[in-house]
Protein backbone atom coordinates (compact mmCIF):
# COMPACT_ATOMS: atom_id res chain seq x y z
CA MET A 1 65.15 49.44 52.82
CA LEU A 2 65.48 46.61 55.33
CA GLU A 3 67.44 43.35 55.26
CA LEU A 4 66.66 40.34 57.47
CA LEU A 5 67.96 36.79 57.82
CA ALA A 6 65.56 33.85 58.08
CA PRO A 7 67.35 30.99 59.89
CA ALA A 8 66.64 27.30 59.32
CA LYS A 9 65.63 24.95 62.12
CA ILE A 10 66.31 21.37 63.11
CA ASN A 11 64.26 19.10 65.37
CA LEU A 12 66.24 17.67 68.25
CA SER A 13 63.22 15.56 69.12
CA LEU A 14 59.84 15.12 67.46
CA ASN A 15 57.06 12.97 68.88
CA ILE A 16 53.44 12.74 67.79
CA THR A 17 50.97 12.45 70.65
CA GLY A 18 47.64 12.50 68.81
CA ILE A 19 45.48 14.13 66.15
CA ARG A 20 43.56 17.35 66.78
CA SER A 21 39.96 18.04 65.80
CA ASP A 22 41.21 20.53 63.18
CA GLY A 23 43.21 17.77 61.45
CA TYR A 24 46.62 18.88 62.70
CA HIS A 25 48.78 16.44 64.63
CA GLU A 26 49.52 17.03 68.30
CA LEU A 27 53.28 17.39 68.54
CA GLU A 28 55.89 17.47 71.23
CA THR A 29 59.13 18.72 69.77
CA ILE A 30 62.27 20.61 70.63
CA MET A 31 63.27 22.87 67.76
CA GLN A 32 66.56 24.69 67.35
CA THR A 33 67.70 27.40 64.96
CA VAL A 34 70.95 27.03 63.06
CA ALA A 35 73.11 29.64 61.38
CA LEU A 36 72.11 28.58 57.85
CA ALA A 37 69.65 31.25 56.70
CA ASP A 38 67.81 32.76 53.77
CA ARG A 39 68.24 36.51 53.19
CA LEU A 40 65.32 38.85 52.55
CA VAL A 41 65.65 42.43 51.35
CA PHE A 42 62.57 44.66 51.73
CA LYS A 43 62.02 47.88 49.82
CA ALA A 44 58.87 49.96 50.21
CA LYS A 45 56.77 50.99 47.23
CA GLU A 46 53.43 52.74 46.86
CA SER A 47 51.25 49.68 46.31
CA GLY A 48 51.23 46.00 45.41
CA ILE A 49 53.25 43.00 46.59
CA SER A 50 56.21 42.03 44.41
CA ILE A 51 58.45 39.12 45.40
CA TYR A 52 61.44 37.92 43.41
CA TYR A 53 63.88 35.10 44.03
CA ALA A 54 67.58 35.78 43.50
CA PRO A 55 69.71 35.43 41.49
CA ASN A 56 67.47 35.19 38.42
CA LEU A 57 64.71 37.48 39.74
CA THR A 58 62.11 34.74 39.34
CA PRO A 59 58.74 36.16 40.43
CA ALA A 60 56.81 34.41 43.22
CA GLY A 61 53.19 33.42 42.72
CA SER A 62 50.27 34.28 44.98
CA ASP A 63 50.55 30.85 46.62
CA ASP A 64 54.07 31.62 47.86
CA LEU A 65 54.25 31.71 51.68
CA VAL A 66 56.09 35.06 51.68
CA TYR A 67 53.37 36.55 49.49
CA GLN A 68 50.71 35.06 51.77
CA ALA A 69 52.41 36.60 54.82
CA ALA A 70 52.42 40.08 53.24
CA LEU A 71 48.82 39.71 52.09
CA LEU A 72 47.72 38.52 55.53
CA LEU A 73 49.24 41.62 57.13
CA GLN A 74 47.40 43.86 54.67
CA GLU A 75 44.09 42.11 55.33
CA TYR A 76 44.56 42.14 59.11
CA THR A 77 45.61 45.77 59.44
CA GLY A 78 43.97 47.42 56.44
CA CYS A 79 47.39 48.71 55.38
CA ARG A 80 47.65 49.26 51.64
CA LYS A 81 51.31 50.14 51.41
CA GLY A 82 53.27 48.18 48.85
CA ILE A 83 56.43 46.12 49.14
CA TYR A 84 59.19 44.74 46.97
CA ILE A 85 60.95 41.69 48.47
CA LEU A 86 64.09 40.10 47.10
CA LEU A 87 64.61 36.60 48.52
CA GLU A 88 67.95 34.80 48.42
CA LYS A 89 67.38 31.11 49.15
CA ASN A 90 70.13 29.25 50.98
CA ILE A 91 67.93 26.76 52.85
CA PRO A 92 67.01 23.72 50.73
CA VAL A 93 63.32 23.59 49.77
CA ALA A 94 60.93 20.94 51.19
CA ALA A 95 63.78 19.61 53.31
CA GLY A 96 62.42 19.52 56.87
CA LEU A 97 64.31 22.72 57.75
CA ALA A 98 61.34 25.14 57.81
CA GLY A 99 62.78 27.33 55.06
CA GLY A 100 59.38 28.55 53.87
CA SER A 101 58.16 29.13 57.41
CA ALA A 102 61.33 31.04 58.26
CA ASP A 103 60.83 33.30 55.23
CA ALA A 104 57.19 33.92 56.22
CA ALA A 105 58.26 34.76 59.78
CA ALA A 106 60.89 37.20 58.54
CA THR A 107 58.27 38.81 56.30
CA LEU A 108 55.88 39.33 59.21
CA LYS A 109 58.68 40.88 61.29
CA GLY A 110 60.03 43.00 58.46
CA LEU A 111 56.72 44.41 57.28
CA ASN A 112 55.53 45.10 60.83
CA GLN A 113 58.57 47.35 61.10
CA LEU A 114 58.70 48.78 57.58
CA TRP A 115 54.96 49.52 57.37
CA ASP A 116 54.90 50.99 60.93
CA LEU A 117 52.10 48.60 61.95
CA ASP A 118 53.06 48.45 65.66
CA LEU A 119 51.62 44.95 66.08
CA THR A 120 52.41 43.27 69.37
CA LYS A 121 54.46 40.10 69.60
CA ALA A 122 51.29 38.19 70.49
CA GLN A 123 49.50 39.52 67.40
CA VAL A 124 52.40 38.60 65.11
CA LEU A 125 52.58 35.10 66.63
CA SER A 126 48.85 34.65 66.08
CA LEU A 127 49.20 35.67 62.44
CA GLY A 128 52.15 33.32 62.07
CA GLU A 129 50.07 30.42 63.35
CA ARG A 130 47.61 31.04 60.49
CA LEU A 131 50.40 30.63 57.95
CA GLY A 132 51.89 27.37 59.20
CA ALA A 133 52.69 25.25 62.24
CA ASP A 134 56.42 26.14 62.23
CA VAL A 135 55.99 29.89 61.77
CA PRO A 136 55.48 30.73 65.49
CA PHE A 137 58.74 28.99 66.31
CA CYS A 138 60.53 30.78 63.46
CA LEU A 139 59.30 34.07 64.90
CA THR A 140 60.77 33.11 68.27
CA GLY A 141 63.98 31.26 67.34
CA GLY A 142 66.60 29.79 69.62
CA THR A 143 65.90 26.59 71.54
CA VAL A 144 62.19 25.96 72.09
CA LEU A 145 59.92 23.19 73.32
CA ALA A 146 56.78 23.28 71.18
CA ARG A 147 53.50 21.49 71.75
CA GLY A 148 50.05 21.52 70.17
CA LYS A 149 50.45 21.88 66.42
CA GLY A 150 53.58 23.91 67.15
CA GLU A 151 52.04 27.09 68.52
CA GLN A 152 52.47 26.36 72.25
CA LEU A 153 56.03 27.50 72.86
CA MET A 154 58.27 27.25 75.91
CA VAL A 155 61.60 28.97 75.41
CA LEU A 156 64.56 26.98 76.77
CA PRO A 157 68.07 28.20 77.62
CA SER A 158 70.14 28.78 74.49
CA LEU A 159 72.52 25.99 73.56
CA PRO A 160 76.19 26.65 72.77
CA PRO A 161 77.22 27.00 69.10
CA TRP A 162 77.70 23.27 68.60
CA GLY A 163 78.60 22.21 65.08
CA VAL A 164 76.02 20.73 62.74
CA VAL A 165 76.37 18.94 59.41
CA LEU A 166 73.20 19.03 57.32
CA VAL A 167 72.99 16.31 54.69
CA ASN A 168 70.13 17.05 52.32
CA PRO A 169 69.45 14.43 49.61
CA SER A 170 68.74 15.85 46.18
CA PHE A 171 64.98 15.34 46.36
CA SER A 172 62.06 17.03 48.11
CA ILE A 173 59.45 15.49 50.38
CA SER A 174 55.77 16.28 50.85
CA THR A 175 55.12 16.79 54.56
CA ALA A 176 51.44 15.99 54.04
CA GLN A 177 52.33 12.68 52.38
CA ILE A 178 54.57 11.64 55.28
CA TYR A 179 51.96 12.47 57.93
CA GLN A 180 49.30 10.66 55.92
CA ALA A 181 51.49 7.56 55.71
CA TYR A 182 52.20 7.83 59.43
CA ASP A 183 48.46 7.83 60.16
CA GLN A 184 47.78 4.90 57.84
CA ARG A 185 50.40 2.78 59.57
CA LYS A 186 48.87 3.51 62.98
CA LEU A 187 52.27 3.61 64.61
CA LYS A 188 52.30 3.69 68.39
CA CYS A 189 53.66 6.73 70.15
CA LEU A 190 56.77 5.91 72.13
CA PRO A 191 57.05 7.11 75.73
CA SER A 192 58.24 10.69 75.68
CA ASN A 193 61.88 11.41 76.51
CA ILE A 194 61.23 15.13 76.34
CA GLN A 195 61.81 15.95 80.01
CA THR A 196 65.13 14.11 80.00
CA LEU A 197 66.10 15.99 76.86
CA VAL A 198 65.01 19.32 78.37
CA LYS A 199 67.25 18.57 81.36
CA ALA A 200 70.21 17.84 79.05
CA VAL A 201 69.51 21.09 77.15
CA LYS A 202 69.45 23.09 80.38
CA GLN A 203 72.75 21.49 81.42
CA LYS A 204 74.19 22.21 77.94
CA ASP A 205 75.22 18.54 77.85
CA LEU A 206 76.23 17.81 74.24
CA LYS A 207 76.55 14.04 74.69
CA GLY A 208 73.30 13.94 76.63
CA VAL A 209 71.42 15.85 73.92
CA ALA A 210 73.05 13.85 71.11
CA GLY A 211 72.07 10.57 72.76
CA LEU A 212 68.40 11.59 73.01
CA LEU A 213 67.78 12.72 69.42
CA TYR A 214 64.49 11.25 68.16
CA ASN A 215 62.00 11.64 65.32
CA ALA A 216 58.76 9.66 65.18
CA LEU A 217 58.41 10.37 61.44
CA GLU A 218 61.81 8.99 60.51
CA PRO A 219 60.76 5.32 60.05
CA VAL A 220 58.01 6.44 57.66
CA THR A 221 60.22 8.71 55.56
CA ALA A 222 63.04 6.14 55.54
CA SER A 223 60.63 3.47 54.24
CA PHE A 224 60.07 5.62 51.14
CA TYR A 225 63.66 6.83 50.89
CA PRO A 226 66.30 4.32 52.14
CA GLU A 227 68.92 7.04 51.62
CA ILE A 228 67.93 8.37 55.06
CA ALA A 229 69.33 5.29 56.83
CA LEU A 230 72.45 5.27 54.64
CA ILE A 231 73.21 8.90 55.46
CA LYS A 232 72.83 8.25 59.19
CA GLN A 233 75.19 5.27 58.97
CA GLU A 234 77.75 7.33 57.06
CA LEU A 235 77.63 10.25 59.48
CA ILE A 236 78.24 7.98 62.46
CA ALA A 237 80.78 5.62 60.91
CA LYS A 238 82.77 8.05 58.79
CA THR A 239 82.59 11.40 60.59
CA GLY A 240 82.24 10.58 64.27
CA ALA A 241 78.95 12.37 64.75
CA LEU A 242 77.95 12.36 68.41
CA GLY A 243 74.31 11.99 67.40
CA VAL A 244 72.25 11.95 64.20
CA ASN A 245 68.61 12.63 63.46
CA MET A 246 66.23 13.43 60.63
CA SER A 247 64.76 16.93 60.80
CA GLY A 248 61.01 17.40 60.49
CA SER A 249 59.43 15.13 57.88
CA GLY A 250 62.79 14.96 56.12
CA PRO A 251 64.68 14.26 54.07
CA THR A 252 67.49 16.31 55.67
CA VAL A 253 69.58 14.38 58.21
CA PHE A 254 71.89 16.19 60.61
CA GLY A 255 74.83 15.24 62.78
CA LEU A 256 75.98 17.02 65.96
CA TYR A 257 79.61 17.92 66.72
CA PRO A 258 81.39 19.93 69.42
CA ASP A 259 81.94 23.05 67.26
CA LEU A 260 81.89 24.45 63.73
CA GLU A 261 85.49 23.38 63.05
CA ALA A 262 84.61 19.77 63.87
CA ALA A 263 81.50 20.02 61.66
CA GLU A 264 83.53 21.38 58.72
CA PHE A 265 86.04 18.56 59.11
CA ALA A 266 83.18 16.03 59.30
CA ALA A 267 81.60 17.41 56.13
CA ASP A 268 84.93 17.01 54.33
CA GLN A 269 85.24 13.43 55.61
CA PHE A 270 81.70 12.65 54.48
CA THR A 271 82.50 13.91 50.99
CA ARG A 272 85.73 11.91 50.77
CA GLN A 273 84.36 8.66 52.20
CA ASN A 274 80.83 8.56 50.83
CA ASN A 275 80.79 4.92 49.78
CA TYR A 276 77.22 5.14 48.51
CA ARG A 277 77.95 8.08 46.21
CA LEU A 278 74.80 9.77 47.41
CA LYS A 279 73.77 12.94 45.62
CA VAL A 280 73.44 15.40 48.49
CA ASN A 281 73.62 19.04 49.45
CA LEU A 282 76.17 19.10 52.26
CA ILE A 283 76.14 22.07 54.64
CA SER A 284 78.26 22.63 57.73
CA THR A 285 76.82 25.13 60.17
CA TYR A 286 76.27 25.64 63.91
CA LEU A 287 73.48 26.13 66.43
CA SER A 288 72.40 29.73 66.57
């Protein structure tokens, strides 16, 4: 039996620089893992792939990304060993936090070990790319500058455990819908601030990083869901966030703070002073 954590991610910056011939968008983004994580428990069996979601043991379908990761490993290696996976979800679904990608990445890692496949890191990364644009990052973790569709990774120095408040509205968002709307609006790419942000990351400059947070998709998502702008206003005005940003295609918004204690205090303040009475999942965590 094997147990692994699958950490969520946030985007410190996300810019779109073009559209690829394969239909994916060319990205330039700095992604960062946080301590919030799903938990996966793997138990070997003779054959078959069985995946259940805790606590009600709801079975996953064949379209589930964890199932697809296990199936991809079988097809790639010819391995016919079976697996039972229990998945405890803590990361909100369709929230811009790469929860599904993180689970798929953990599955690739876990089964490579449990099935004695001996795949190299490069092979696992290549398989991850087939499953989704965020999976290679989730296999790497930490603080990473990603380009291409997300597969070109440059690992940056790890940031300190700064505090993070994740504010996730009680609705899900289709990433495909947001990118489609972005394309239809023909928004211009802003000049990249990525090198300035990389410098701030290397200097572990909290105020510098917080002041450079950016997401090219945020205006599109916020046009569909005005709650995004309200949450950002609340985090700044009521909790003293040093910087706020939407993660991925949304709808989760995060605020940065000096440490976990400050983030926990901010989350409490947000709850007490939420003038808009927004229905949200509120999570205090830290960079990991």
